[in-house]
Protein backbone atom coordinates (compact mmCIF):
# COMPACT_ATOMS: atom_id res chain seq x y z
CA MET A 1 116.64 -26.18 -56.73
CA SER A 2 114.96 -23.83 -54.30
CA ALA A 3 111.74 -24.68 -52.50
CA ARG A 4 110.15 -21.55 -53.99
CA PHE A 5 111.01 -22.65 -57.54
CA LEU A 6 109.57 -26.11 -56.80
CA ARG A 7 106.32 -24.52 -55.57
CA PHE A 8 106.29 -22.33 -58.69
CA ALA A 9 106.71 -25.42 -60.86
CA ILE A 10 103.88 -27.24 -59.05
CA VAL A 11 101.58 -24.24 -59.51
CA GLY A 12 102.70 -24.09 -63.16
CA THR A 13 101.78 -27.75 -63.61
CA LEU A 14 98.30 -27.06 -62.27
CA GLY A 15 98.16 -23.97 -64.48
CA PHE A 16 98.99 -26.20 -67.44
CA VAL A 17 95.94 -28.33 -66.60
CA VAL A 18 93.75 -25.20 -66.56
CA ASP A 19 95.35 -23.84 -69.75
CA ALA A 20 95.18 -27.10 -71.71
CA GLY A 21 91.70 -27.87 -70.37
CA VAL A 22 90.31 -24.52 -71.50
CA LEU A 23 92.00 -24.91 -74.90
CA ALA A 24 90.63 -28.44 -75.34
CA LEU A 25 87.15 -27.25 -74.36
CA LEU A 26 87.29 -24.35 -76.82
CA LEU A 27 88.59 -26.56 -79.63
CA THR A 28 86.18 -29.45 -79.15
CA SER A 29 83.18 -27.14 -78.80
CA GLU A 30 84.42 -25.17 -81.83
CA VAL A 31 84.07 -21.90 -79.93
CA ALA A 32 87.56 -20.81 -80.98
CA GLY A 33 90.32 -22.01 -83.25
CA PHE A 34 93.85 -23.06 -82.40
CA HIS A 35 95.30 -19.57 -82.12
CA ALA A 36 92.43 -17.52 -80.64
CA GLY A 37 91.69 -20.42 -78.30
CA ARG A 38 95.31 -20.40 -77.18
CA CYS A 39 95.10 -16.71 -76.27
CA ALA A 40 91.98 -17.32 -74.19
CA SER A 41 93.43 -20.41 -72.53
CA PHE A 42 96.65 -18.53 -71.70
CA LEU A 43 94.65 -15.85 -69.85
CA ALA A 44 92.77 -18.54 -67.92
CA GLY A 45 96.00 -20.35 -67.01
CA ALA A 46 97.83 -17.11 -66.13
CA SER A 47 94.95 -15.98 -63.92
CA PHE A 48 94.96 -19.30 -62.10
CA THR A 49 98.75 -19.28 -61.61
CA TRP A 50 98.72 -15.67 -60.42
CA ALA A 51 96.19 -16.50 -57.70
CA ALA A 52 97.93 -19.74 -56.68
CA ASN A 53 101.41 -18.21 -56.70
CA ARG A 54 100.13 -15.28 -54.65
CA ARG A 55 98.81 -17.61 -51.96
CA PHE A 56 101.25 -20.52 -52.18
CA THR A 57 104.60 -19.61 -53.74
CA PHE A 58 104.99 -15.96 -52.76
CA ALA A 59 102.67 -15.72 -49.75
CA ASP A 60 105.48 -14.12 -47.72
CA ARG A 61 105.91 -11.31 -50.24
CA ARG A 62 103.42 -8.48 -50.37
CA ASN A 63 104.30 -5.56 -52.58
CA GLY A 64 101.60 -3.06 -51.67
CA HIS A 65 99.75 -3.28 -54.99
CA GLY A 66 96.05 -4.07 -55.04
CA ARG A 67 94.96 -7.41 -56.44
CA GLY A 68 93.83 -6.01 -59.77
CA ALA A 69 97.07 -4.11 -60.29
CA GLU A 70 99.09 -7.12 -59.19
CA TRP A 71 97.20 -9.40 -61.62
CA ALA A 72 97.87 -6.94 -64.45
CA ARG A 73 101.57 -6.75 -63.50
CA TYR A 74 101.71 -10.56 -63.39
CA VAL A 75 100.15 -11.00 -66.83
CA ALA A 76 102.43 -8.28 -68.25
CA ALA A 77 105.50 -9.84 -66.59
CA MET A 78 104.59 -13.20 -68.08
CA ALA A 79 104.63 -11.65 -71.57
CA ALA A 80 108.19 -12.74 -72.42
CA GLY A 81 107.53 -16.26 -71.16
CA ALA A 82 104.19 -16.21 -72.98
CA ALA A 83 105.89 -15.21 -76.23
CA LEU A 84 108.36 -18.07 -75.87
CA ASN A 85 105.54 -20.40 -74.82
CA TYR A 86 103.39 -19.40 -77.80
CA GLY A 87 106.30 -19.67 -80.22
CA VAL A 88 106.98 -23.24 -79.13
CA TYR A 89 103.22 -23.98 -79.27
CA ALA A 90 102.95 -22.67 -82.84
CA LEU A 91 106.10 -24.52 -83.92
CA VAL A 92 104.85 -27.84 -82.52
CA LEU A 93 101.49 -27.38 -84.27
CA HIS A 94 103.22 -26.51 -87.53
CA VAL A 95 105.55 -29.53 -87.36
CA PHE A 96 103.15 -32.17 -86.01
CA GLY A 97 99.76 -30.99 -87.27
CA TYR A 98 96.68 -29.18 -86.11
CA THR A 99 94.84 -31.66 -83.93
CA ALA A 100 93.46 -31.27 -80.40
CA VAL A 101 95.93 -33.86 -79.04
CA VAL A 102 98.92 -32.12 -80.62
CA ALA A 103 97.61 -28.77 -79.32
CA VAL A 104 97.58 -30.06 -75.72
CA LEU A 105 101.10 -31.46 -76.13
CA ALA A 106 102.17 -28.15 -77.68
CA VAL A 107 100.83 -26.29 -74.62
CA ALA A 108 102.97 -28.56 -72.42
CA ALA A 109 106.09 -27.98 -74.54
CA GLY A 110 105.52 -24.23 -74.42
CA ALA A 111 104.97 -24.24 -70.67
CA ILE A 112 108.23 -26.09 -70.07
CA ALA A 113 110.07 -23.68 -72.38
CA GLY A 114 108.79 -20.62 -70.49
CA LEU A 115 109.09 -21.94 -66.92
CA GLY A 116 112.45 -20.44 -65.95
CA LEU A 117 111.79 -17.10 -67.60
CA ASN A 118 108.38 -16.86 -65.94
CA PHE A 119 109.85 -17.68 -62.52
CA LEU A 120 112.41 -14.89 -62.84
CA ALA A 121 109.73 -12.43 -63.96
CA ALA A 122 107.35 -13.39 -61.15
CA SER A 123 109.97 -13.35 -58.39
CA ARG A 124 111.79 -10.20 -59.54
CA LEU A 125 109.04 -8.05 -61.05
CA VAL A 126 105.70 -9.02 -59.53
CA PHE A 127 106.32 -10.52 -56.11
CA ALA A 128 109.59 -8.76 -55.32
CA VAL A 129 109.90 -7.37 -51.83
CA ARG A 130 109.91 -3.59 -52.06
CA ARG A 131 112.83 -1.85 -50.40
CA GLN A 132 111.85 0.67 -47.74
């Protein structure tokens, strides 16, 4: 396992805390339901992991894009991992029931499912070193 992948996984774990925390907050305050809340919590978690990966995991790689463009590329690149993540999330909710505890566990299962795909997308599409 590479040191970069380990840093990515650590950032992802912290991103899970942000993601699950936002979802739990939205569910318990009844601001959003299980699916709309999950979309909002994904954006919060993805924004956190973009910023942390930019500074911690891929600090040695600058691609010449501005921060806003890089954030948009990151969120777009995470789309395949997000689809896998959300599919696992929805499946876990369907199988085990719609409760806040199950939703948090479903976020964790989805995050684990998407980890490798997200690492490849981040390292190859967002934080890739541009050839001169």
